[in-house]
Amino acid sequence: MIVGFHPEVYKQLQQLPRSTFRLVSDQIFALAQEPRPDGTKKLVGGGGNDWRARIGEYRIIYEIGDSVQTVTIMRVAHRRDVYR
């Protein structure tokens, strides 16, 4: 699968602590191989095909496009801010 990024994600990644950035980037590249790994959950209520991956206190919100074989990272943030 191809991994794409929402334009705001680049700024969100720059604001992460260095150790967290490494973990998040590893998880993002792993999503290209397996977009629905163990521990991820489909989000309810927003419509669409949104999923959540958890990395400690941080969350990656992403959308899977099965028909076009893409994973689009929509948001990366601390758990207290990510769903706002």
C-alpha atoms as a PDB file:
ATOM      1  CA  MET A   1       0.000   0.000   0.000  1.00  0.00           C
ATOM      2  CA  ILE A   2       1.025   3.592  -0.556  1.00  0.00           C
ATOM      3  CA  VAL A   3       1.225   5.904   2.466  1.00  0.00           C
ATOM      4  CA  GLY A   4       0.010   9.479   2.010  1.00  0.00           C
ATOM      5  CA  PHE A   5      -0.096  12.366   4.464  1.00  0.00           C
ATOM      6  CA  HIS A   6      -2.630  15.093   5.133  1.00  0.00           C
ATOM      7  CA  PRO A   7      -0.735  18.436   4.895  1.00  0.00           C
ATOM      8  CA  GLU A   8      -1.162  19.187   8.629  1.00  0.00           C
ATOM      9  CA  VAL A   9       0.562  15.938   9.614  1.00  0.00           C
ATOM     10  CA  TYR A  10       4.022  17.271   8.700  1.00  0.00           C
ATOM     11  CA  LYS A  11       3.684  20.034  11.298  1.00  0.00           C
ATOM     12  CA  GLN A  12       2.303  17.579  13.862  1.00  0.00           C
ATOM     13  CA  LEU A  13       5.270  15.250  13.339  1.00  0.00           C
ATOM     14  CA  GLN A  14       7.755  18.097  13.842  1.00  0.00           C
ATOM     15  CA  GLN A  15       6.228  18.877  17.238  1.00  0.00           C
ATOM     16  CA  LEU A  16       6.675  15.339  18.596  1.00  0.00           C
ATOM     17  CA  PRO A  17       9.441  14.518  21.075  1.00  0.00           C
ATOM     18  CA  ARG A  18      12.378  12.852  19.309  1.00  0.00           C
ATOM     19  CA  SER A  19      11.870   9.411  20.894  1.00  0.00           C
ATOM     20  CA  THR A  20       8.157   9.469  20.093  1.00  0.00           C
ATOM     21  CA  PHE A  21       8.839  10.594  16.529  1.00  0.00           C
ATOM     22  CA  ARG A  22      10.947   7.492  15.939  1.00  0.00           C
ATOM     23  CA  LEU A  23       8.220   5.180  17.259  1.00  0.00           C
ATOM     24  CA  VAL A  24       5.500   6.956  15.282  1.00  0.00           C
ATOM     25  CA  SER A  25       7.482   6.927  12.038  1.00  0.00           C
ATOM     26  CA  ASP A  26       8.200   3.200  12.441  1.00  0.00           C
ATOM     27  CA  GLN A  27       4.481   2.559  12.952  1.00  0.00           C
ATOM     28  CA  ILE A  28       3.539   4.653   9.909  1.00  0.00           C
ATOM     29  CA  PHE A  29       5.883   2.669   7.654  1.00  0.00           C
ATOM     30  CA  ALA A  30       4.560  -0.589   9.134  1.00  0.00           C
ATOM     31  CA  LEU A  31       1.034   0.477   8.131  1.00  0.00           C
ATOM     32  CA  ALA A  32       2.134   0.312   4.498  1.00  0.00           C
ATOM     33  CA  GLN A  33       2.729  -3.416   4.923  1.00  0.00           C
ATOM     34  CA  GLU A  34      -0.241  -4.193   7.195  1.00  0.00           C
ATOM     35  CA  PRO A  35      -2.883  -1.437   7.468  1.00  0.00           C
ATOM     36  CA  ARG A  36      -4.893  -3.294  10.131  1.00  0.00           C
ATOM     37  CA  PRO A  37      -2.322  -4.707  12.577  1.00  0.00           C
ATOM     38  CA  ASP A  38      -3.271  -6.051  16.000  1.00  0.00           C
ATOM     39  CA  GLY A  39      -4.059  -3.256  18.430  1.00  0.00           C
ATOM     40  CA  THR A  40      -5.643  -0.890  15.916  1.00  0.00           C
ATOM     41  CA  LYS A  41      -9.307   0.014  16.103  1.00  0.00           C
ATOM     42  CA  LYS A  42     -11.848   1.261  13.605  1.00  0.00           C
ATOM     43  CA  LEU A  43     -13.275   4.593  14.720  1.00  0.00           C
ATOM     44  CA  VAL A  44     -17.031   4.829  15.159  1.00  0.00           C
ATOM     45  CA  GLY A  45     -19.248   7.779  14.283  1.00  0.00           C
ATOM     46  CA  GLY A  46     -17.111   9.744  11.864  1.00  0.00           C
ATOM     47  CA  GLY A  47     -18.231   7.797   8.856  1.00  0.00           C
ATOM     48  CA  GLY A  48     -15.705   6.689   6.316  1.00  0.00           C
ATOM     49  CA  ASN A  49     -12.962   4.208   6.966  1.00  0.00           C
ATOM     50  CA  ASP A  50     -10.987   5.838   9.800  1.00  0.00           C
ATOM     51  CA  TRP A  51      -8.707   3.791  12.026  1.00  0.00           C
ATOM     52  CA  ARG A  52      -6.598   4.497  15.110  1.00  0.00           C
ATOM     53  CA  ALA A  53      -3.149   3.204  16.014  1.00  0.00           C
ATOM     54  CA  ARG A  54      -1.854   3.708  19.545  1.00  0.00           C
ATOM     55  CA  ILE A  55       1.780   4.507  20.368  1.00  0.00           C
ATOM     56  CA  GLY A  56       2.008   5.120  24.112  1.00  0.00           C
ATOM     57  CA  GLU A  57       0.366   8.468  24.838  1.00  0.00           C
ATOM     58  CA  TYR A  58       0.097   9.335  21.129  1.00  0.00           C
ATOM     59  CA  ARG A  59      -2.385   8.300  18.450  1.00  0.00           C
ATOM     60  CA  ILE A  60      -2.220   8.020  14.676  1.00  0.00           C
ATOM     61  CA  ILE A  61      -5.553   8.543  12.955  1.00  0.00           C
ATOM     62  CA  TYR A  62      -5.538   7.207   9.428  1.00  0.00           C
ATOM     63  CA  GLU A  63      -7.848   6.263   6.595  1.00  0.00           C
ATOM     64  CA  ILE A  64      -7.579   3.084   4.536  1.00  0.00           C
ATOM     65  CA  GLY A  65      -8.492   3.165   0.863  1.00  0.00           C
ATOM     66  CA  ASP A  66      -8.727  -0.517  -0.051  1.00  0.00           C
ATOM     67  CA  SER A  67      -9.865   0.132  -3.619  1.00  0.00           C
ATOM     68  CA  VAL A  68      -6.854   2.319  -4.417  1.00  0.00           C
ATOM     69  CA  GLN A  69      -4.431   0.588  -2.009  1.00  0.00           C
ATOM     70  CA  THR A  70      -3.605   3.683   0.070  1.00  0.00           C
ATOM     71  CA  VAL A  71      -3.192   4.558   3.724  1.00  0.00           C
ATOM     72  CA  THR A  72      -3.648   8.282   4.391  1.00  0.00           C
ATOM     73  CA  ILE A  73      -2.356   9.601   7.713  1.00  0.00           C
ATOM     74  CA  MET A  74      -4.877  12.198   8.845  1.00  0.00           C
ATOM     75  CA  ARG A  75      -3.611  13.208  12.291  1.00  0.00           C
ATOM     76  CA  VAL A  76      -0.828  12.454  14.792  1.00  0.00           C
ATOM     77  CA  ALA A  77      -1.245  13.899  18.277  1.00  0.00           C
ATOM     78  CA  HIS A  78      -1.319  13.270  21.996  1.00  0.00           C
ATOM     79  CA  ARG A  79      -4.349  11.266  23.095  1.00  0.00           C
ATOM     80  CA  ARG A  80      -5.921  14.256  24.873  1.00  0.00           C
ATOM     81  CA  ASP A  81      -5.904  16.319  21.656  1.00  0.00           C
ATOM     82  CA  VAL A  82      -6.252  13.869  18.778  1.00  0.00           C
ATOM     83  CA  TYR A  83     -10.045  13.470  18.727  1.00  0.00           C
ATOM     84  CA  ARG A  84     -10.878  17.207  18.828  1.00  0.00           C
END
